[in-house]
Amino acid sequence: MLCHDVKRVVYFFLDGTLDERRNDDFKHHIDACADCEARIIVHRRIRVFLRKRLTPLPAPDHLKQRLVRTLRAVAE
């Protein structure tokens, strides 16, 4: 996995939705790349900050399905 791949799939990784092979590739890359490891730390902190500050609102099922399809298409 390359740095630009990490940028494309970082949120899948943080959500735990990468397949096993990509997840392993991702982990190997961030273990070897200090820049990407730092990027992951920042993204995690942003997610924690947002979760603490925002009230979750349920999304309609059709929107969830559409988002998942779009995100998977972008990640491929």
PDB file of N, CA and C in Angstrom:
ATOM      1  N   MET A   1       0.849  -1.166   0.000  1.00  0.00           N
ATOM      2  CA  MET A   1       0.000   0.000   0.000  1.00  0.00           C
ATOM      3  C   MET A   1       0.898   1.233   0.000  1.00  0.00           C
ATOM      4  N   LEU A   2       0.489   2.232  -0.743  1.00  0.00           N
ATOM      5  CA  LEU A   2       1.228   3.490  -0.837  1.00  0.00           C
ATOM      6  C   LEU A   2       0.509   4.588  -0.066  1.00  0.00           C
ATOM      7  N   CYS A   3       1.219   5.700   0.140  1.00  0.00           N
ATOM      8  CA  CYS A   3       0.641   6.809   0.920  1.00  0.00           C
ATOM      9  C   CYS A   3      -0.691   7.286   0.343  1.00  0.00           C
ATOM     10  N   HIS A   4      -0.783   7.398  -0.989  1.00  0.00           N
ATOM     11  CA  HIS A   4      -2.049   7.877  -1.560  1.00  0.00           C
ATOM     12  C   HIS A   4      -3.178   6.870  -1.331  1.00  0.00           C
ATOM     13  N   ASP A   5      -2.844   5.585  -1.219  1.00  0.00           N
ATOM     14  CA  ASP A   5      -3.859   4.577  -0.894  1.00  0.00           C
ATOM     15  C   ASP A   5      -4.362   4.756   0.536  1.00  0.00           C
ATOM     16  N   VAL A   6      -3.442   5.062   1.432  1.00  0.00           N
ATOM     17  CA  VAL A   6      -3.808   5.289   2.830  1.00  0.00           C
ATOM     18  C   VAL A   6      -4.802   6.447   2.922  1.00  0.00           C
ATOM     19  N   LYS A   7      -4.532   7.524   2.192  1.00  0.00           N
ATOM     20  CA  LYS A   7      -5.434   8.680   2.212  1.00  0.00           C
ATOM     21  C   LYS A   7      -6.834   8.304   1.741  1.00  0.00           C
ATOM     22  N   ARG A   8      -6.916   7.404   0.761  1.00  0.00           N
ATOM     23  CA  ARG A   8      -8.218   7.026   0.196  1.00  0.00           C
ATOM     24  C   ARG A   8      -9.036   6.135   1.124  1.00  0.00           C
ATOM     25  N   VAL A   9      -8.367   5.329   1.942  1.00  0.00           N
ATOM     26  CA  VAL A   9      -9.107   4.337   2.731  1.00  0.00           C
ATOM     27  C   VAL A   9      -9.016   4.552   4.240  1.00  0.00           C
ATOM     28  N   VAL A  10      -8.477   5.685   4.658  1.00  0.00           N
ATOM     29  CA  VAL A  10      -8.269   5.921   6.088  1.00  0.00           C
ATOM     30  C   VAL A  10      -9.563   5.763   6.892  1.00  0.00           C
ATOM     31  N   TYR A  11     -10.671   6.272   6.391  1.00  0.00           N
ATOM     32  CA  TYR A  11     -11.910   6.190   7.163  1.00  0.00           C
ATOM     33  C   TYR A  11     -12.467   4.766   7.204  1.00  0.00           C
ATOM     34  N   PHE A  12     -12.238   3.992   6.159  1.00  0.00           N
ATOM     35  CA  PHE A  12     -12.631   2.581   6.210  1.00  0.00           C
ATOM     36  C   PHE A  12     -11.829   1.858   7.290  1.00  0.00           C
ATOM     37  N   PHE A  13     -10.529   2.175   7.351  1.00  0.00           N
ATOM     38  CA  PHE A  13      -9.678   1.573   8.375  1.00  0.00           C
ATOM     39  C   PHE A  13     -10.177   1.941   9.765  1.00  0.00           C
ATOM     40  N   LEU A  14     -10.407   3.226   9.991  1.00  0.00           N
ATOM     41  CA  LEU A  14     -10.853   3.680  11.306  1.00  0.00           C
ATOM     42  C   LEU A  14     -12.224   3.131  11.678  1.00  0.00           C
ATOM     43  N   ASP A  15     -13.061   2.879  10.684  1.00  0.00           N
ATOM     44  CA  ASP A  15     -14.379   2.293  10.936  1.00  0.00           C
ATOM     45  C   ASP A  15     -14.318   0.778  11.098  1.00  0.00           C
ATOM     46  N   GLY A  16     -13.178   0.181  10.764  1.00  0.00           N
ATOM     47  CA  GLY A  16     -13.042  -1.266  10.844  1.00  0.00           C
ATOM     48  C   GLY A  16     -13.749  -1.999   9.723  1.00  0.00           C
ATOM     49  N   THR A  17     -13.891  -1.337   8.562  1.00  0.00           N
ATOM     50  CA  THR A  17     -14.630  -1.949   7.459  1.00  0.00           C
ATOM     51  C   THR A  17     -13.744  -2.375   6.287  1.00  0.00           C
ATOM     52  N   LEU A  18     -12.425  -2.281   6.443  1.00  0.00           N
ATOM     53  CA  LEU A  18     -11.549  -2.783   5.383  1.00  0.00           C
ATOM     54  C   LEU A  18     -11.536  -4.302   5.420  1.00  0.00           C
ATOM     55  N   ASP A  19     -11.392  -4.910   4.250  1.00  0.00           N
ATOM     56  CA  ASP A  19     -11.245  -6.362   4.252  1.00  0.00           C
ATOM     57  C   ASP A  19      -9.900  -6.716   4.901  1.00  0.00           C
ATOM     58  N   GLU A  20      -9.736  -7.963   5.266  1.00  0.00           N
ATOM     59  CA  GLU A  20      -8.570  -8.396   6.031  1.00  0.00           C
ATOM     60  C   GLU A  20      -7.245  -8.090   5.327  1.00  0.00           C
ATOM     61  N   ARG A  21      -7.180  -8.336   4.032  1.00  0.00           N
ATOM     62  CA  ARG A  21      -5.944  -8.089   3.276  1.00  0.00           C
ATOM     63  C   ARG A  21      -5.584  -6.611   3.276  1.00  0.00           C
ATOM     64  N   ARG A  22      -6.561  -5.771   2.955  1.00  0.00           N
ATOM     65  CA  ARG A  22      -6.292  -4.323   2.939  1.00  0.00           C
ATOM     66  C   ARG A  22      -5.977  -3.798   4.326  1.00  0.00           C
ATOM     67  N   ASN A  23      -6.658  -4.322   5.320  1.00  0.00           N
ATOM     68  CA  ASN A  23      -6.388  -3.912   6.692  1.00  0.00           C
ATOM     69  C   ASN A  23      -4.943  -4.231   7.077  1.00  0.00           C
ATOM     70  N   ASP A  24      -4.494  -5.438   6.729  1.00  0.00           N
ATOM     71  CA  ASP A  24      -3.109  -5.827   7.011  1.00  0.00           C
ATOM     72  C   ASP A  24      -2.123  -4.946   6.244  1.00  0.00           C
ATOM     73  N   ASP A  25      -2.407  -4.700   4.962  1.00  0.00           N
ATOM     74  CA  ASP A  25      -1.545  -3.830   4.158  1.00  0.00           C
ATOM     75  C   ASP A  25      -1.476  -2.425   4.760  1.00  0.00           C
ATOM     76  N   PHE A  26      -2.622  -1.938   5.189  1.00  0.00           N
ATOM     77  CA  PHE A  26      -2.709  -0.609   5.792  1.00  0.00           C
ATOM     78  C   PHE A  26      -1.835  -0.542   7.041  1.00  0.00           C
ATOM     79  N   LYS A  27      -1.989  -1.525   7.926  1.00  0.00           N
ATOM     80  CA  LYS A  27      -1.217  -1.546   9.167  1.00  0.00           C
ATOM     81  C   LYS A  27       0.279  -1.627   8.896  1.00  0.00           C
ATOM     82  N   HIS A  28       0.674  -2.453   7.936  1.00  0.00           N
ATOM     83  CA  HIS A  28       2.098  -2.560   7.589  1.00  0.00           C
ATOM     84  C   HIS A  28       2.628  -1.228   7.084  1.00  0.00           C
ATOM     85  N   HIS A  29       1.829  -0.558   6.280  1.00  0.00           N
ATOM     86  CA  HIS A  29       2.276   0.718   5.737  1.00  0.00           C
ATOM     87  C   HIS A  29       2.441   1.756   6.844  1.00  0.00           C
ATOM     88  N   ILE A  30       1.449   1.897   7.713  1.00  0.00           N
ATOM     89  CA  ILE A  30       1.569   2.938   8.741  1.00  0.00           C
ATOM     90  C   ILE A  30       2.644   2.591   9.774  1.00  0.00           C
ATOM     91  N   ASP A  31       2.958   1.318   9.928  1.00  0.00           N
ATOM     92  CA  ASP A  31       4.075   0.938  10.806  1.00  0.00           C
ATOM     93  C   ASP A  31       5.409   1.393  10.219  1.00  0.00           C
ATOM     94  N   ALA A  32       5.478   1.459   8.890  1.00  0.00           N
ATOM     95  CA  ALA A  32       6.731   1.814   8.215  1.00  0.00           C
ATOM     96  C   ALA A  32       6.799   3.275   7.783  1.00  0.00           C
ATOM     97  N   CYS A  33       5.681   3.986   7.807  1.00  0.00           N
ATOM     98  CA  CYS A  33       5.633   5.348   7.270  1.00  0.00           C
ATOM     99  C   CYS A  33       5.196   6.322   8.370  1.00  0.00           C
ATOM    100  N   ALA A  34       6.132   7.109   8.859  1.00  0.00           N
ATOM    101  CA  ALA A  34       5.845   8.041   9.951  1.00  0.00           C
ATOM    102  C   ALA A  34       4.823   9.100   9.548  1.00  0.00           C
ATOM    103  N   ASP A  35       4.866   9.544   8.289  1.00  0.00           N
ATOM    104  CA  ASP A  35       3.902  10.557   7.835  1.00  0.00           C
ATOM    105  C   ASP A  35       2.475  10.025   7.877  1.00  0.00           C
ATOM    106  N   CYS A  36       2.281   8.825   7.391  1.00  0.00           N
ATOM    107  CA  CYS A  36       0.935   8.240   7.401  1.00  0.00           C
ATOM    108  C   CYS A  36       0.493   7.894   8.818  1.00  0.00           C
ATOM    109  N   GLU A  37       1.414   7.447   9.636  1.00  0.00           N
ATOM    110  CA  GLU A  37       1.069   7.165  11.031  1.00  0.00           C
ATOM    111  C   GLU A  37       0.593   8.452  11.719  1.00  0.00           C
ATOM    112  N   ALA A  38       1.288   9.560  11.467  1.00  0.00           N
ATOM    113  CA  ALA A  38       0.877  10.846  12.037  1.00  0.00           C
ATOM    114  C   ALA A  38      -0.494  11.261  11.514  1.00  0.00           C
ATOM    115  N   ARG A  39      -0.747  11.007  10.227  1.00  0.00           N
ATOM    116  CA  ARG A  39      -2.042  11.339   9.631  1.00  0.00           C
ATOM    117  C   ARG A  39      -3.165  10.557  10.319  1.00  0.00           C
ATOM    118  N   ILE A  40      -2.923   9.279  10.609  1.00  0.00           N
ATOM    119  CA  ILE A  40      -3.924   8.440  11.266  1.00  0.00           C
ATOM    120  C   ILE A  40      -4.210   8.970  12.672  1.00  0.00           C
ATOM    121  N   ILE A  41      -3.179   9.376  13.378  1.00  0.00           N
ATOM    122  CA  ILE A  41      -3.353   9.928  14.720  1.00  0.00           C
ATOM    123  C   ILE A  41      -4.235  11.166  14.671  1.00  0.00           C
ATOM    124  N   VAL A  42      -3.991  12.042  13.715  1.00  0.00           N
ATOM    125  CA  VAL A  42      -4.800  13.255  13.563  1.00  0.00           C
ATOM    126  C   VAL A  42      -6.247  12.897  13.259  1.00  0.00           C
ATOM    127  N   HIS A  43      -6.463  11.967  12.332  1.00  0.00           N
ATOM    128  CA  HIS A  43      -7.832  11.569  11.980  1.00  0.00           C
ATOM    129  C   HIS A  43      -8.552  10.961  13.179  1.00  0.00           C
ATOM    130  N   ARG A  44      -7.855  10.164  13.974  1.00  0.00           N
ATOM    131  CA  ARG A  44      -8.473   9.590  15.176  1.00  0.00           C
ATOM    132  C   ARG A  44      -8.875  10.689  16.152  1.00  0.00           C
ATOM    133  N   ARG A  45      -7.999  11.664  16.340  1.00  0.00           N
ATOM    134  CA  ARG A  45      -8.298  12.769  17.263  1.00  0.00           C
ATOM    135  C   ARG A  45      -9.497  13.579  16.774  1.00  0.00           C
ATOM    136  N   ILE A  46      -9.575  13.805  15.479  1.00  0.00           N
ATOM    137  CA  ILE A  46     -10.711  14.535  14.912  1.00  0.00           C
ATOM    138  C   ILE A  46     -12.002  13.766  15.173  1.00  0.00           C
ATOM    139  N   ARG A  47     -11.973  12.465  14.969  1.00  0.00           N
ATOM    140  CA  ARG A  47     -13.165  11.644  15.190  1.00  0.00           C
ATOM    141  C   ARG A  47     -13.609  11.687  16.650  1.00  0.00           C
ATOM    142  N   VAL A  48     -12.653  11.606  17.570  1.00  0.00           N
ATOM    143  CA  VAL A  48     -12.976  11.669  19.000  1.00  0.00           C
ATOM    144  C   VAL A  48     -13.572  13.034  19.332  1.00  0.00           C
ATOM    145  N   PHE A  49     -12.958  14.083  18.829  1.00  0.00           N
ATOM    146  CA  PHE A  49     -13.448  15.443  19.064  1.00  0.00           C
ATOM    147  C   PHE A  49     -14.890  15.591  18.576  1.00  0.00           C
ATOM    148  N   LEU A  50     -15.140  15.142  17.355  1.00  0.00           N
ATOM    149  CA  LEU A  50     -16.480  15.274  16.789  1.00  0.00           C
ATOM    150  C   LEU A  50     -17.504  14.448  17.550  1.00  0.00           C
ATOM    151  N   ARG A  51     -17.133  13.249  17.947  1.00  0.00           N
ATOM    152  CA  ARG A  51     -18.066  12.403  18.704  1.00  0.00           C
ATOM    153  C   ARG A  51     -18.449  13.039  20.032  1.00  0.00           C
ATOM    154  N   LYS A  52     -17.496  13.732  20.651  1.00  0.00           N
ATOM    155  CA  LYS A  52     -17.775  14.381  21.928  1.00  0.00           C
ATOM    156  C   LYS A  52     -18.646  15.620  21.769  1.00  0.00           C
ATOM    157  N   ARG A  53     -18.539  16.285  20.624  1.00  0.00           N
ATOM    158  CA  ARG A  53     -19.193  17.583  20.447  1.00  0.00           C
ATOM    159  C   ARG A  53     -20.524  17.531  19.699  1.00  0.00           C
ATOM    160  N   LEU A  54     -20.732  16.509  18.917  1.00  0.00           N
ATOM    161  CA  LEU A  54     -21.926  16.463  18.072  1.00  0.00           C
ATOM    162  C   LEU A  54     -22.937  15.455  18.595  1.00  0.00           C
ATOM    163  N   THR A  55     -24.187  15.805  18.469  1.00  0.00           N
ATOM    164  CA  THR A  55     -25.264  14.890  18.812  1.00  0.00           C
ATOM    165  C   THR A  55     -25.564  14.026  17.594  1.00  0.00           C
ATOM    166  N   PRO A  56     -25.480  12.711  17.747  1.00  0.00           N
ATOM    167  CA  PRO A  56     -25.753  11.862  16.589  1.00  0.00           C
ATOM    168  C   PRO A  56     -27.226  11.910  16.180  1.00  0.00           C
ATOM    169  N   LEU A  57     -27.443  11.997  14.899  1.00  0.00           N
ATOM    170  CA  LEU A  57     -28.794  11.944  14.339  1.00  0.00           C
ATOM    171  C   LEU A  57     -28.877  10.715  13.450  1.00  0.00           C
ATOM    172  N   PRO A  58     -29.941   9.948  13.547  1.00  0.00           N
ATOM    173  CA  PRO A  58     -30.041   8.760  12.694  1.00  0.00           C
ATOM    174  C   PRO A  58     -30.252   9.154  11.230  1.00  0.00           C
ATOM    175  N   ALA A  59     -29.482   8.509  10.377  1.00  0.00           N
ATOM    176  CA  ALA A  59     -29.639   8.739   8.939  1.00  0.00           C
ATOM    177  C   ALA A  59     -30.664   7.748   8.397  1.00  0.00           C
ATOM    178  N   PRO A  60     -31.452   8.174   7.404  1.00  0.00           N
ATOM    179  CA  PRO A  60     -32.397   7.245   6.784  1.00  0.00           C
ATOM    180  C   PRO A  60     -31.641   6.083   6.123  1.00  0.00           C
ATOM    181  N   ASP A  61     -32.246   4.919   6.108  1.00  0.00           N
ATOM    182  CA  ASP A  61     -31.601   3.732   5.542  1.00  0.00           C
ATOM    183  C   ASP A  61     -31.172   3.931   4.093  1.00  0.00           C
ATOM    184  N   HIS A  62     -32.002   4.591   3.286  1.00  0.00           N
ATOM    185  CA  HIS A  62     -31.632   4.775   1.876  1.00  0.00           C
ATOM    186  C   HIS A  62     -30.381   5.638   1.747  1.00  0.00           C
ATOM    187  N   LEU A  63     -30.186   6.591   2.632  1.00  0.00           N
ATOM    188  CA  LEU A  63     -28.993   7.418   2.598  1.00  0.00           C
ATOM    189  C   LEU A  63     -27.766   6.610   3.002  1.00  0.00           C
ATOM    190  N   LYS A  64     -27.900   5.786   4.026  1.00  0.00           N
ATOM    191  CA  LYS A  64     -26.792   4.936   4.461  1.00  0.00           C
ATOM    192  C   LYS A  64     -26.333   4.023   3.321  1.00  0.00           C
ATOM    193  N   GLN A  65     -27.294   3.406   2.648  1.00  0.00           N
ATOM    194  CA  GLN A  65     -26.964   2.488   1.559  1.00  0.00           C
ATOM    195  C   GLN A  65     -26.261   3.232   0.420  1.00  0.00           C
ATOM    196  N   ARG A  66     -26.748   4.404   0.111  1.00  0.00           N
ATOM    197  CA  ARG A  66     -26.152   5.203  -0.960  1.00  0.00           C
ATOM    198  C   ARG A  66     -24.718   5.625  -0.603  1.00  0.00           C
ATOM    199  N   LEU A  67     -24.506   6.025   0.642  1.00  0.00           N
ATOM    200  CA  LEU A  67     -23.168   6.410   1.091  1.00  0.00           C
ATOM    201  C   LEU A  67     -22.200   5.236   1.035  1.00  0.00           C
ATOM    202  N   VAL A  68     -22.629   4.087   1.490  1.00  0.00           N
ATOM    203  CA  VAL A  68     -21.772   2.906   1.471  1.00  0.00           C
ATOM    204  C   VAL A  68     -21.374   2.567   0.031  1.00  0.00           C
ATOM    205  N   ARG A  69     -22.328   2.589  -0.884  1.00  0.00           N
ATOM    206  CA  ARG A  69     -22.018   2.295  -2.293  1.00  0.00           C
ATOM    207  C   ARG A  69     -21.016   3.302  -2.851  1.00  0.00           C
ATOM    208  N   THR A  70     -21.226   4.570  -2.556  1.00  0.00           N
ATOM    209  CA  THR A  70     -20.342   5.615  -3.070  1.00  0.00           C
ATOM    210  C   THR A  70     -18.949   5.495  -2.482  1.00  0.00           C
ATOM    211  N   LEU A  71     -18.845   5.286  -1.188  1.00  0.00           N
ATOM    212  CA  LEU A  71     -17.535   5.173  -0.546  1.00  0.00           C
ATOM    213  C   LEU A  71     -16.764   3.961  -1.041  1.00  0.00           C
ATOM    214  N   ARG A  72     -17.454   2.867  -1.225  1.00  0.00           N
ATOM    215  CA  ARG A  72     -16.770   1.662  -1.730  1.00  0.00           C
ATOM    216  C   ARG A  72     -16.289   1.869  -3.167  1.00  0.00           C
ATOM    217  N   ALA A  73     -17.076   2.551  -3.961  1.00  0.00           N
ATOM    218  CA  ALA A  73     -16.677   2.824  -5.358  1.00  0.00           C
ATOM    219  C   ALA A  73     -15.447   3.717  -5.380  1.00  0.00           C
ATOM    220  N   VAL A  74     -15.390   4.685  -4.500  1.00  0.00           N
ATOM    221  CA  VAL A  74     -14.239   5.594  -4.435  1.00  0.00           C
ATOM    222  C   VAL A  74     -12.997   4.864  -3.957  1.00  0.00           C
ATOM    223  N   ALA A  75     -13.151   3.951  -3.013  1.00  0.00           N
ATOM    224  CA  ALA A  75     -12.012   3.250  -2.439  1.00  0.00           C
ATOM    225  C   ALA A  75     -11.405   2.230  -3.394  1.00  0.00           C
ATOM    226  N   GLU A  76     -12.145   1.808  -4.395  1.00  0.00           N
ATOM    227  CA  GLU A  76     -11.633   0.786  -5.328  1.00  0.00           C
ATOM    228  C   GLU A  76     -10.767   1.400  -6.318  1.00  0.00           C
TER     229      GLU A  76
END
